[in-house]
Amino acid sequence: MAGVGLRAAARRYLPRRDHGGPRAASSSPSCPGCGPPGPGAHCPGAPRSAPASAPAGGAEPSAHLWARYQDMRRLVHDLLPPEVCSLLNPAAIYANNEISLRDVEVYGFDYDYTLAQYADTLHPEIFSAARDILIEHYKYPEGIRKYDYNPSFAIRGLHYDIQKSLLMKIDAFHYVQLGTAYRGLQPVPDEEVIDLYGGTQHIPLYQMSGFYGKDAIRDVHVKGLMYQWIERDMEKYILRGDETFAVLSRLVAHGKQLFLITNSPFSFVDKGMRHMVGADWRQLFDVVIVQADKPSFFTDRRKPFRKLDEKGSLHWDRITRLEKGKIYRQGNLFDFLRLTEWRGPRVLYFGDHLYSDLADLMLRHGWRTGAIIPELEREIRIINTEQYMHSLTWQQALTGLLERMQTYQDAESRQVLAAWMKERQELRCITKALFNAQFGSIFRTFHNPTYFSRRLVRFSDLYMASLSCLLNYRVDFTFYPRRTPLQHEAPLWMDQLCTGCMKTPFLGDMAHIR
């Protein structure tokens, strides 16, 4: 009965078509940039596919194509076991690289958004303060005061072209995802985006490097406004404090050494850690460094460590060792490594920012890194829905069918293929909108990884929604990344399975996966 119920649910989510012909006009929401792909997708230098076999019994090619379409729909319905939905655990840790916690002796942490997780209620206050700074200090027009924070508009990992006033999503290959370029709150037509970049969606890396800018959000931190709000009401703004304490005390109990490197000032960190951990929180850490000025902390050798006394005053004596229970300001990673001798893969550092926290540590110094991605929890909950799973599986199957049936090039067959292309684009828009109507998932630009996602893979060994996910694993646990297919391994992937090209002996085991 469970299988029957799932197939019924699938028919709710998958497009309906009458046998042997196209469906009625779609009622799905329109999406800028989701029109049918243009001609010329085949690479001129690549060998062309062998002609498809002629339809049996002299049937019209278009009828043969629709028959294959219906066969695949039935196969997709039967392919997905009930347990495939809700398969992913939002509290799990996901590995980009194999790593054994048994070999990790030293754990390091950023503070904001890592040890201290903040409630979303903080975001409107940051937005409002930044808006006021733009008006009062940078002479922006008073008219922008009418704009309030919209939590459903933007997502993490977007790029902002200051010169062209474009907010947009870019994939791992530096292409703008059409339909995701905005000027203010208004979408910019695809044709205009392409024209602005010289007739292409591609943006060179040297040009993208200037897209981050220096805006008013930085001033909210520099002026200490965010610190004031959090200090006034820690119960409101700080999340999972008990879990942070549980993580730290568990690591110390198993003989691990801990350190903290943060850009925040000591008074703010001290109040937050007292709230989450207790008055003796400093005894958990072997080294505490505040106002570190990351990311230059990782690259600039010139800034020395300075010790702070209990009142926050600086001592100007030369630092020859880093003492447990003491507080140090600024400094640099090179002196840190010399004084602690904590080097290489026995160090695991957690942070929320891929560039200012993790990139240099992995690329220059060989530390292990863990990325804290709070948005991951919501994205996994969406992935676990029947609507997403069936939409994505049918989209993959339809893509495989398009690839194989494109050798039919008579006039009627081309109409069928065009209808499939249109349906595929509609499915992609529907799947995108499940995450965010404007920009979609932070990890995907349709079939490609996002620029953010590619950097996440490059700069982090592990990633998770919050530090508390560590509580679900033993301190000697080994994380093994799953083998994902390269394109020449595509016959092992779902679109090939759905077209009936391979047997699927492992699918019976999927029912037991939790």
Protein backbone atom coordinates (compact mmCIF):
# COMPACT_ATOMS: atom_id res chain seq x y z
CA MET A 1 0.00 0.00 0.00
CA ALA A 2 2.89 2.35 0.70
CA GLY A 3 4.12 2.00 -2.88
CA VAL A 4 0.64 2.72 -4.24
CA GLY A 5 0.41 5.84 -2.07
CA LEU A 6 3.79 7.08 -3.26
CA ARG A 7 2.86 6.61 -6.90
CA ALA A 8 -0.35 8.52 -6.27
CA ALA A 9 1.68 11.32 -4.69
CA ALA A 10 4.07 11.26 -7.62
CA ARG A 11 1.21 11.79 -10.04
CA ARG A 12 0.26 14.90 -8.06
CA TYR A 13 3.72 16.38 -8.49
CA LEU A 14 4.76 15.19 -11.95
CA PRO A 15 3.33 16.84 -15.08
CA ARG A 16 0.28 15.08 -16.52
CA ARG A 17 0.13 14.27 -20.20
CA ASP A 18 -2.33 12.41 -22.33
CA HIS A 19 -0.88 9.26 -23.85
CA GLY A 20 0.75 9.91 -27.17
CA GLY A 21 0.56 13.69 -27.17
CA PRO A 22 1.55 16.90 -25.43
CA ARG A 23 -0.26 18.15 -22.35
CA ALA A 24 -2.28 21.30 -22.08
CA ALA A 25 -0.64 24.65 -21.42
CA SER A 26 1.34 24.71 -18.21
CA SER A 27 -0.07 26.38 -15.14
CA SER A 28 3.30 26.54 -13.42
CA PRO A 29 4.66 29.97 -12.51
CA SER A 30 6.77 31.67 -15.12
CA CYS A 31 10.43 32.18 -14.40
CA PRO A 32 12.73 34.73 -16.08
CA GLY A 33 15.61 33.03 -17.82
CA CYS A 34 13.84 29.67 -18.05
CA GLY A 35 12.96 29.71 -21.72
CA PRO A 36 14.00 26.77 -23.90
CA PRO A 37 17.75 26.56 -24.48
CA GLY A 38 18.94 27.84 -27.81
CA PRO A 39 20.21 25.73 -30.69
CA GLY A 40 23.74 24.53 -31.10
CA ALA A 41 24.06 22.53 -27.90
CA HIS A 42 26.03 19.81 -29.70
CA CYS A 43 29.78 20.38 -29.75
CA PRO A 44 30.98 20.57 -33.39
CA GLY A 45 34.19 18.78 -32.55
CA ALA A 46 32.55 15.83 -30.81
CA PRO A 47 31.41 12.66 -32.56
CA ARG A 48 27.69 12.59 -33.13
CA SER A 49 25.49 9.89 -31.63
CA ALA A 50 24.53 6.94 -33.71
CA PRO A 51 21.06 7.25 -35.26
CA ALA A 52 18.25 5.98 -33.09
CA SER A 53 16.68 2.71 -34.10
CA ALA A 54 13.57 3.02 -36.22
CA PRO A 55 10.23 2.62 -34.44
CA ALA A 56 8.90 -0.92 -34.45
CA GLY A 57 6.01 -1.80 -36.74
CA GLY A 58 6.40 1.28 -38.92
CA ALA A 59 4.98 3.61 -36.26
CA GLU A 60 5.43 7.35 -36.65
CA PRO A 61 8.60 8.60 -34.91
CA SER A 62 6.59 11.09 -32.84
CA ALA A 63 4.32 8.31 -31.56
CA HIS A 64 7.39 6.27 -30.70
CA LEU A 65 8.84 9.20 -28.74
CA TRP A 66 5.64 9.68 -26.75
CA ALA A 67 5.53 5.96 -26.02
CA ARG A 68 9.05 6.11 -24.63
CA TYR A 69 8.01 9.16 -22.61
CA GLN A 70 5.11 7.32 -21.02
CA ASP A 71 7.26 4.25 -20.33
CA MET A 72 9.76 6.42 -18.53
CA ARG A 73 7.08 8.12 -16.43
CA ARG A 74 5.89 4.73 -15.23
CA LEU A 75 9.47 3.66 -14.52
CA VAL A 76 10.17 6.79 -12.48
CA HIS A 77 7.02 6.24 -10.42
CA ASP A 78 8.08 2.70 -9.59
CA LEU A 79 11.77 3.52 -9.15
CA LEU A 80 11.47 5.63 -6.00
CA PRO A 81 10.92 3.62 -2.82
CA PRO A 82 8.90 5.30 -0.05
CA GLU A 83 11.99 5.75 2.11
CA VAL A 84 13.76 7.92 -0.46
CA CYS A 85 11.91 10.95 0.90
CA SER A 86 13.17 12.18 4.27
CA LEU A 87 16.40 10.34 3.52
CA LEU A 88 18.73 13.17 4.58
CA ASN A 89 19.28 14.21 8.17
CA PRO A 90 19.47 18.01 8.70
CA ALA A 91 21.60 17.40 11.80
CA ALA A 92 24.20 15.34 9.95
CA ILE A 93 27.76 16.35 9.08
CA TYR A 94 28.66 16.10 5.41
CA ALA A 95 32.19 15.34 4.24
CA ASN A 96 34.03 16.72 1.21
CA ASN A 97 37.19 14.90 2.24
CA GLU A 98 37.91 11.80 4.29
CA ILE A 99 38.78 12.76 7.84
CA SER A 100 39.13 10.77 11.05
CA LEU A 101 38.40 12.67 14.25
CA ARG A 102 40.67 10.18 16.00
CA ASP A 103 43.62 11.98 14.38
CA VAL A 104 42.45 15.47 15.36
CA GLU A 105 44.17 16.66 18.53
CA VAL A 106 43.39 20.40 18.39
CA TYR A 107 40.04 22.08 17.72
CA GLY A 108 39.82 25.75 16.79
CA PHE A 109 36.76 27.97 16.50
CA ASP A 110 35.56 31.30 15.23
CA TYR A 111 33.07 32.99 17.57
CA ASP A 112 30.27 34.80 15.71
CA TYR A 113 27.93 32.43 13.85
CA THR A 114 30.10 29.47 14.89
CA LEU A 115 30.34 29.11 18.66
CA ALA A 116 27.55 31.67 18.97
CA GLN A 117 24.63 31.02 16.63
CA TYR A 118 22.32 34.02 16.23
CA ALA A 119 18.57 34.15 15.69
CA ASP A 120 17.17 35.46 12.40
CA THR A 121 15.55 38.29 14.37
CA LEU A 122 18.97 39.96 14.31
CA HIS A 123 18.86 40.43 10.53
CA PRO A 124 16.19 43.17 10.36
CA GLU A 125 18.14 45.24 12.88
CA ILE A 126 21.37 44.90 10.88
CA PHE A 127 19.48 45.87 7.71
CA SER A 128 17.85 48.92 9.30
CA ALA A 129 21.12 50.14 10.81
CA ALA A 130 22.96 49.71 7.51
CA ARG A 131 20.19 51.59 5.69
CA ASP A 132 20.48 54.49 8.13
CA ILE A 133 24.27 54.54 7.72
CA LEU A 134 23.89 54.77 3.95
CA ILE A 135 21.62 57.78 4.32
CA GLU A 136 23.39 59.61 7.14
CA HIS A 137 27.03 58.94 6.31
CA TYR A 138 27.12 58.10 2.60
CA LYS A 139 24.39 60.58 1.53
CA TYR A 140 22.06 58.05 -0.06
CA PRO A 141 18.57 59.44 -0.81
CA GLU A 142 16.03 59.60 2.02
CA GLY A 143 13.64 57.59 -0.13
CA ILE A 144 15.35 54.31 0.73
CA ARG A 145 13.97 54.53 4.28
CA LYS A 146 10.71 53.12 2.97
CA TYR A 147 12.36 49.77 2.30
CA ASP A 148 12.17 47.22 5.10
CA TYR A 149 14.03 43.96 5.45
CA ASN A 150 12.64 41.17 3.26
CA PRO A 151 13.88 37.79 4.59
CA SER A 152 12.64 35.89 1.52
CA PHE A 153 14.43 37.95 -1.13
CA ALA A 154 18.19 37.28 -1.17
CA ILE A 155 20.25 34.20 -0.33
CA ARG A 156 23.82 33.52 0.70
CA GLY A 157 26.59 33.43 -1.90
CA LEU A 158 25.32 36.07 -4.33
CA HIS A 159 27.58 38.50 -6.17
CA TYR A 160 27.08 42.24 -6.47
CA ASP A 161 28.50 44.14 -9.44
CA ILE A 162 28.84 47.65 -8.03
CA GLN A 163 29.56 49.26 -11.41
CA LYS A 164 26.45 47.81 -13.05
CA SER A 165 24.29 47.74 -9.89
CA LEU A 166 23.48 44.07 -10.37
CA LEU A 167 22.85 41.48 -7.65
CA MET A 168 23.12 38.03 -9.19
CA LYS A 169 23.85 34.35 -8.76
CA ILE A 170 26.92 32.89 -10.47
CA ASP A 171 27.70 29.24 -11.01
CA ALA A 172 30.96 27.35 -10.49
CA PHE A 173 32.07 28.12 -14.05
CA HIS A 174 31.57 31.90 -13.64
CA TYR A 175 28.33 32.05 -15.63
CA VAL A 176 25.44 34.21 -14.45
CA GLN A 177 22.34 32.09 -13.93
CA LEU A 178 19.80 33.77 -16.17
CA GLY A 179 16.69 34.84 -14.33
CA THR A 180 18.65 35.63 -11.15
CA ALA A 181 19.96 39.13 -11.91
CA TYR A 182 18.33 41.98 -10.01
CA ARG A 183 18.73 45.75 -9.89
CA GLY A 184 17.26 46.64 -6.55
CA LEU A 185 14.16 44.49 -6.22
CA GLN A 186 13.46 44.40 -9.96
CA PRO A 187 14.56 41.51 -12.18
CA VAL A 188 16.81 42.46 -15.08
CA PRO A 189 15.89 40.85 -18.43
CA ASP A 190 18.27 38.14 -19.63
CA GLU A 191 18.99 40.02 -22.84
CA GLU A 192 20.10 43.09 -20.90
CA VAL A 193 22.37 41.03 -18.62
CA ILE A 194 24.06 39.41 -21.62
CA ASP A 195 24.43 42.78 -23.34
CA LEU A 196 25.98 44.33 -20.19
CA TYR A 197 28.69 41.68 -20.21
CA GLY A 198 29.61 41.99 -23.86
CA GLY A 199 27.29 39.35 -25.31
CA THR A 200 28.01 36.58 -22.81
CA GLN A 201 26.82 35.24 -19.47
CA HIS A 202 30.42 34.53 -18.48
CA ILE A 203 32.24 36.81 -16.05
CA PRO A 204 36.04 36.45 -15.78
CA LEU A 205 37.51 35.78 -12.35
CA TYR A 206 39.49 39.04 -12.29
CA GLN A 207 36.25 40.95 -12.78
CA MET A 208 34.34 38.95 -10.16
CA SER A 209 36.99 39.70 -7.56
CA GLY A 210 35.74 43.29 -7.40
CA PHE A 211 32.11 42.32 -6.83
CA TYR A 212 32.27 42.15 -3.04
CA GLY A 213 32.73 45.84 -2.32
CA LYS A 214 32.78 47.68 1.02
CA ASP A 215 29.23 48.48 2.03
CA ALA A 216 27.38 49.72 5.13
CA ILE A 217 27.00 46.22 6.67
CA ARG A 218 30.68 46.36 7.59
CA ASP A 219 30.06 49.58 9.50
CA VAL A 220 27.37 47.89 11.59
CA HIS A 221 30.09 45.57 12.91
CA VAL A 222 32.89 48.15 13.11
CA LYS A 223 30.74 50.57 15.07
CA GLY A 224 29.77 47.79 17.48
CA LEU A 225 26.03 48.15 16.91
CA MET A 226 25.45 44.42 16.56
CA TYR A 227 27.37 43.78 19.77
CA GLN A 228 25.14 46.22 21.66
CA TRP A 229 21.91 44.57 20.49
CA ILE A 230 23.08 41.07 21.40
CA GLU A 231 24.44 42.10 24.79
CA ARG A 232 21.11 43.72 25.70
CA ASP A 233 19.10 40.52 25.11
CA MET A 234 21.20 37.36 24.82
CA GLU A 235 18.22 35.09 25.41
CA LYS A 236 16.58 36.56 22.33
CA TYR A 237 19.54 36.48 19.97
CA ILE A 238 21.85 33.58 20.97
CA LEU A 239 20.71 30.10 19.96
CA ARG A 240 21.87 26.64 21.06
CA GLY A 241 24.05 27.91 23.90
CA ASP A 242 23.60 24.68 25.87
CA GLU A 243 24.71 22.67 22.86
CA THR A 244 27.82 24.83 22.43
CA PHE A 245 28.74 24.13 26.04
CA ALA A 246 28.11 20.40 25.48
CA VAL A 247 30.41 20.32 22.43
CA LEU A 248 33.29 22.14 24.15
CA SER A 249 33.12 20.22 27.44
CA ARG A 250 32.93 16.90 25.59
CA LEU A 251 36.06 17.66 23.58
CA VAL A 252 37.99 18.73 26.68
CA ALA A 253 36.84 15.59 28.51
CA HIS A 254 38.42 13.52 25.72
CA GLY A 255 41.76 15.30 26.00
CA LYS A 256 41.44 17.66 23.05
CA GLN A 257 43.08 21.10 23.04
CA LEU A 258 40.87 24.07 22.12
CA PHE A 259 41.52 27.58 20.84
CA LEU A 260 39.43 30.56 19.76
CA ILE A 261 40.32 33.11 17.07
CA THR A 262 37.73 35.85 16.51
CA ASN A 263 37.50 39.37 15.16
CA SER A 264 35.12 40.38 17.93
CA PRO A 265 36.29 42.32 21.02
CA PHE A 266 36.92 40.51 24.31
CA SER A 267 34.15 42.21 26.30
CA PHE A 268 31.55 40.99 23.79
CA VAL A 269 32.95 37.47 23.57
CA ASP A 270 33.25 37.24 27.35
CA LYS A 271 29.60 38.13 27.92
CA GLY A 272 28.41 35.71 25.26
CA MET A 273 30.55 32.83 26.50
CA ARG A 274 29.47 33.46 30.10
CA HIS A 275 25.89 33.24 28.89
CA MET A 276 26.43 29.96 26.99
CA VAL A 277 29.16 28.20 28.98
CA GLY A 278 29.62 29.90 32.35
CA ALA A 279 32.01 32.24 34.17
CA ASP A 280 34.95 29.82 33.89
CA TRP A 281 34.65 29.40 30.10
CA ARG A 282 38.29 30.46 29.56
CA GLN A 283 39.49 27.31 31.31
CA LEU A 284 38.16 25.27 28.40
CA PHE A 285 40.49 27.01 25.91
CA ASP A 286 44.25 26.72 25.67
CA VAL A 287 44.47 29.94 23.62
CA VAL A 288 41.99 32.82 23.16
CA ILE A 289 42.67 35.50 20.52
CA VAL A 290 40.29 38.45 20.02
CA GLN A 291 40.23 41.30 17.48
CA ALA A 292 42.36 39.09 15.25
CA ASP A 293 41.59 41.05 12.08
CA LYS A 294 40.92 37.99 9.93
CA PRO A 295 41.62 37.29 7.12
CA SER A 296 44.86 39.35 7.35
CA PHE A 297 45.61 37.39 10.55
CA PHE A 298 46.38 34.43 8.30
CA THR A 299 48.65 36.27 5.86
CA ASP A 300 50.25 39.35 7.52
CA ARG A 301 53.35 38.50 9.57
CA ARG A 302 53.85 42.06 10.87
CA LYS A 303 51.13 42.24 13.54
CA PRO A 304 52.37 41.02 16.94
CA PHE A 305 50.33 39.49 19.74
CA ARG A 306 49.44 41.70 22.69
CA LYS A 307 48.22 40.41 26.04
CA LEU A 308 45.09 41.88 27.65
CA ASP A 309 44.68 42.15 31.41
CA GLU A 310 41.42 41.51 33.23
CA LYS A 311 40.27 45.07 32.57
CA GLY A 312 40.96 44.84 28.85
CA SER A 313 44.12 47.00 28.92
CA LEU A 314 47.03 46.10 26.65
CA HIS A 315 50.42 44.86 27.83
CA TRP A 316 53.21 45.83 25.46
CA ASP A 317 55.73 43.16 26.48
CA ARG A 318 56.93 40.82 23.76
CA ILE A 319 54.95 37.57 23.78
CA THR A 320 57.16 34.48 24.03
CA ARG A 321 54.42 31.97 24.82
CA LEU A 322 50.62 31.76 24.71
CA GLU A 323 49.25 30.91 28.15
CA LYS A 324 46.02 29.12 28.97
CA GLY A 325 43.41 31.37 30.54
CA LYS A 326 44.97 34.57 29.15
CA ILE A 327 43.53 36.77 26.42
CA TYR A 328 45.54 37.91 23.40
CA ARG A 329 44.72 40.53 20.81
CA GLN A 330 45.53 40.62 17.09
CA GLY A 331 48.76 38.76 16.25
CA ASN A 332 49.27 36.58 13.19
CA LEU A 333 49.06 32.92 12.29
CA PHE A 334 52.79 32.50 11.70
CA ASP A 335 53.62 33.48 15.28
CA PHE A 336 50.69 31.37 16.43
CA LEU A 337 52.11 28.28 14.71
CA ARG A 338 55.61 28.97 16.06
CA LEU A 339 54.40 29.39 19.64
CA THR A 340 51.95 26.47 19.73
CA GLU A 341 53.46 24.04 17.19
CA TRP A 342 49.91 23.13 16.17
CA ARG A 343 50.39 22.26 12.53
CA GLY A 344 48.85 20.29 9.70
CA PRO A 345 45.94 17.85 9.72
CA ARG A 346 45.89 17.30 13.46
CA VAL A 347 44.18 20.74 13.70
CA LEU A 348 40.49 21.15 12.81
CA TYR A 349 39.18 24.73 12.64
CA PHE A 350 35.49 25.68 12.40
CA GLY A 351 34.16 28.92 10.90
CA ASP A 352 31.18 30.27 9.02
CA HIS A 353 33.01 32.31 6.36
CA LEU A 354 34.71 30.36 3.59
CA TYR A 355 37.23 33.08 2.75
CA SER A 356 38.09 34.93 5.95
CA ASP A 357 37.94 31.78 8.11
CA LEU A 358 38.83 28.69 6.11
CA ALA A 359 40.51 29.26 2.74
CA ASP A 360 44.03 30.21 3.87
CA LEU A 361 44.08 27.61 6.63
CA MET A 362 43.42 24.80 4.18
CA LEU A 363 45.38 26.02 1.17
CA ARG A 364 48.45 27.49 2.92
CA HIS A 365 48.73 25.55 6.15
CA GLY A 366 47.06 22.18 5.65
CA TRP A 367 44.69 22.45 8.58
CA ARG A 368 41.45 20.53 8.48
CA THR A 369 38.43 22.81 8.23
CA GLY A 370 34.74 22.64 9.07
CA ALA A 371 32.21 25.08 7.57
CA ILE A 372 29.13 26.14 9.53
CA ILE A 373 26.27 26.67 7.05
CA PRO A 374 23.01 27.43 8.92
CA GLU A 375 21.02 27.47 5.66
CA LEU A 376 21.84 23.80 5.17
CA GLU A 377 19.14 22.71 7.60
CA ARG A 378 16.33 24.38 5.64
CA GLU A 379 17.66 23.21 2.28
CA ILE A 380 17.77 19.59 3.45
CA ARG A 381 14.20 19.80 4.73
CA ILE A 382 13.14 20.95 1.25
CA ILE A 383 15.15 18.20 -0.43
CA ASN A 384 13.35 15.67 1.79
CA THR A 385 9.90 16.63 0.48
CA GLU A 386 8.06 14.43 -2.00
CA GLN A 387 7.55 17.40 -4.29
CA TYR A 388 11.28 18.05 -4.61
CA MET A 389 12.27 14.40 -4.93
CA HIS A 390 9.74 13.55 -7.63
CA SER A 391 10.29 16.80 -9.51
CA LEU A 392 14.05 16.33 -9.55
CA THR A 393 13.91 12.63 -10.51
CA TRP A 394 11.53 13.28 -13.37
CA GLN A 395 13.68 16.20 -14.49
CA GLN A 396 16.75 13.95 -14.57
CA ALA A 397 14.86 11.24 -16.42
CA LEU A 398 13.51 13.69 -18.97
CA THR A 399 17.03 15.06 -19.54
CA GLY A 400 18.29 11.56 -20.28
CA LEU A 401 15.40 10.97 -22.65
CA LEU A 402 16.12 14.21 -24.50
CA GLU A 403 19.75 13.24 -24.89
CA ARG A 404 18.92 9.87 -26.43
CA MET A 405 15.99 10.86 -28.60
CA GLN A 406 17.56 13.95 -30.18
CA THR A 407 18.61 11.87 -33.19
CA TYR A 408 14.99 11.96 -34.38
CA GLN A 409 14.99 15.09 -36.50
CA ASP A 410 11.85 14.91 -38.65
CA ALA A 411 9.45 17.84 -38.23
CA GLU A 412 7.00 16.08 -35.88
CA SER A 413 9.77 14.66 -33.70
CA ARG A 414 11.34 18.09 -33.35
CA GLN A 415 8.01 19.36 -32.04
CA VAL A 416 7.95 16.57 -29.47
CA LEU A 417 11.52 17.34 -28.40
CA ALA A 418 10.67 21.04 -28.12
CA ALA A 419 7.71 20.19 -25.87
CA TRP A 420 10.02 18.12 -23.66
CA MET A 421 12.55 20.94 -23.51
CA LYS A 422 9.82 23.34 -22.43
CA GLU A 423 8.64 20.92 -19.76
CA ARG A 424 12.21 20.46 -18.51
CA GLN A 425 12.64 24.22 -18.17
CA GLU A 426 9.36 24.47 -16.25
CA LEU A 427 10.50 21.70 -13.90
CA ARG A 428 13.79 23.49 -13.29
CA CYS A 429 11.93 26.69 -12.41
CA ILE A 430 9.59 24.83 -10.06
CA THR A 431 12.52 23.14 -8.31
CA LYS A 432 14.38 26.45 -8.02
CA ALA A 433 11.37 28.22 -6.50
CA LEU A 434 11.05 25.59 -3.76
CA PHE A 435 14.18 27.13 -2.22
CA ASN A 436 13.87 30.80 -3.14
CA ALA A 437 11.68 32.40 -5.79
CA GLN A 438 14.40 34.80 -6.96
CA PHE A 439 17.64 32.84 -6.66
CA GLY A 440 16.90 29.19 -5.84
CA SER A 441 19.25 27.04 -3.76
CA ILE A 442 22.52 28.38 -2.38
CA PHE A 443 24.19 25.20 -3.65
CA ARG A 444 22.80 24.84 -7.21
CA THR A 445 22.30 26.89 -10.36
CA PHE A 446 19.96 24.41 -12.05
CA HIS A 447 22.28 21.47 -12.88
CA ASN A 448 25.60 23.16 -11.98
CA PRO A 449 27.02 23.85 -8.52
CA THR A 450 27.01 27.51 -7.54
CA TYR A 451 30.19 29.51 -7.16
CA PHE A 452 29.59 29.32 -3.40
CA SER A 453 29.13 25.54 -3.52
CA ARG A 454 32.34 24.97 -5.47
CA ARG A 455 34.28 27.03 -2.90
CA LEU A 456 32.63 25.14 -0.07
CA VAL A 457 33.98 21.91 -1.52
CA ARG A 458 37.41 23.43 -2.09
CA PHE A 459 37.89 25.07 1.31
CA SER A 460 36.18 22.72 3.78
CA ASP A 461 36.69 19.10 4.74
CA LEU A 462 33.35 19.03 6.56
CA TYR A 463 30.23 21.17 6.53
CA MET A 464 27.18 21.23 8.78
CA ALA A 465 24.25 23.40 9.86
CA SER A 466 25.65 24.10 13.33
CA LEU A 467 28.44 23.10 15.68
CA SER A 468 25.94 21.06 17.68
CA CYS A 469 25.96 18.45 14.89
CA LEU A 470 29.22 17.19 16.41
CA LEU A 471 27.19 15.82 19.31
CA ASN A 472 25.76 13.18 16.96
CA TYR A 473 29.17 11.57 16.39
CA ARG A 474 31.84 9.87 18.47
CA VAL A 475 35.07 11.81 18.95
CA ASP A 476 36.91 9.06 17.02
CA PHE A 477 34.40 8.95 14.14
CA THR A 478 35.71 8.78 10.56
CA PHE A 479 33.84 10.71 7.87
CA TYR A 480 33.86 9.15 4.41
CA PRO A 481 32.72 11.31 1.48
CA ARG A 482 30.38 9.53 -0.91
CA ARG A 483 31.61 8.86 -4.40
CA THR A 484 29.76 11.17 -6.77
CA PRO A 485 29.89 10.65 -10.53
CA LEU A 486 32.15 12.39 -12.95
CA GLN A 487 30.53 12.92 -16.30
CA HIS A 488 32.27 9.93 -17.87
CA GLU A 489 30.78 7.88 -15.02
CA ALA A 490 27.26 9.11 -15.83
CA PRO A 491 25.89 5.62 -16.64
CA LEU A 492 25.94 5.07 -12.89
CA TRP A 493 23.67 8.06 -12.27
CA MET A 494 19.93 8.49 -11.99
CA ASP A 495 19.05 9.75 -15.46
CA GLN A 496 20.65 6.67 -16.99
CA LEU A 497 18.88 4.39 -14.54
CA CYS A 498 15.55 5.98 -15.36
CA THR A 499 15.94 5.34 -19.09
CA GLY A 500 16.34 1.64 -18.43
CA CYS A 501 19.98 1.47 -19.55
CA MET A 502 21.15 -0.32 -16.42
CA LYS A 503 19.85 -2.84 -13.94
CA THR A 504 19.31 -1.49 -10.44
CA PRO A 505 20.13 -4.28 -7.97
CA PHE A 506 20.99 -1.85 -5.17
CA LEU A 507 17.59 -0.14 -5.05
CA GLY A 508 16.15 -2.85 -2.84
CA ASP A 509 18.66 -1.92 -0.17
CA MET A 510 17.64 1.74 -0.19
CA ALA A 511 14.57 0.97 1.90
CA HIS A 512 16.86 0.32 4.86
CA ILE A 513 18.76 3.61 4.67
CA ARG A 514 17.97 6.15 7.36
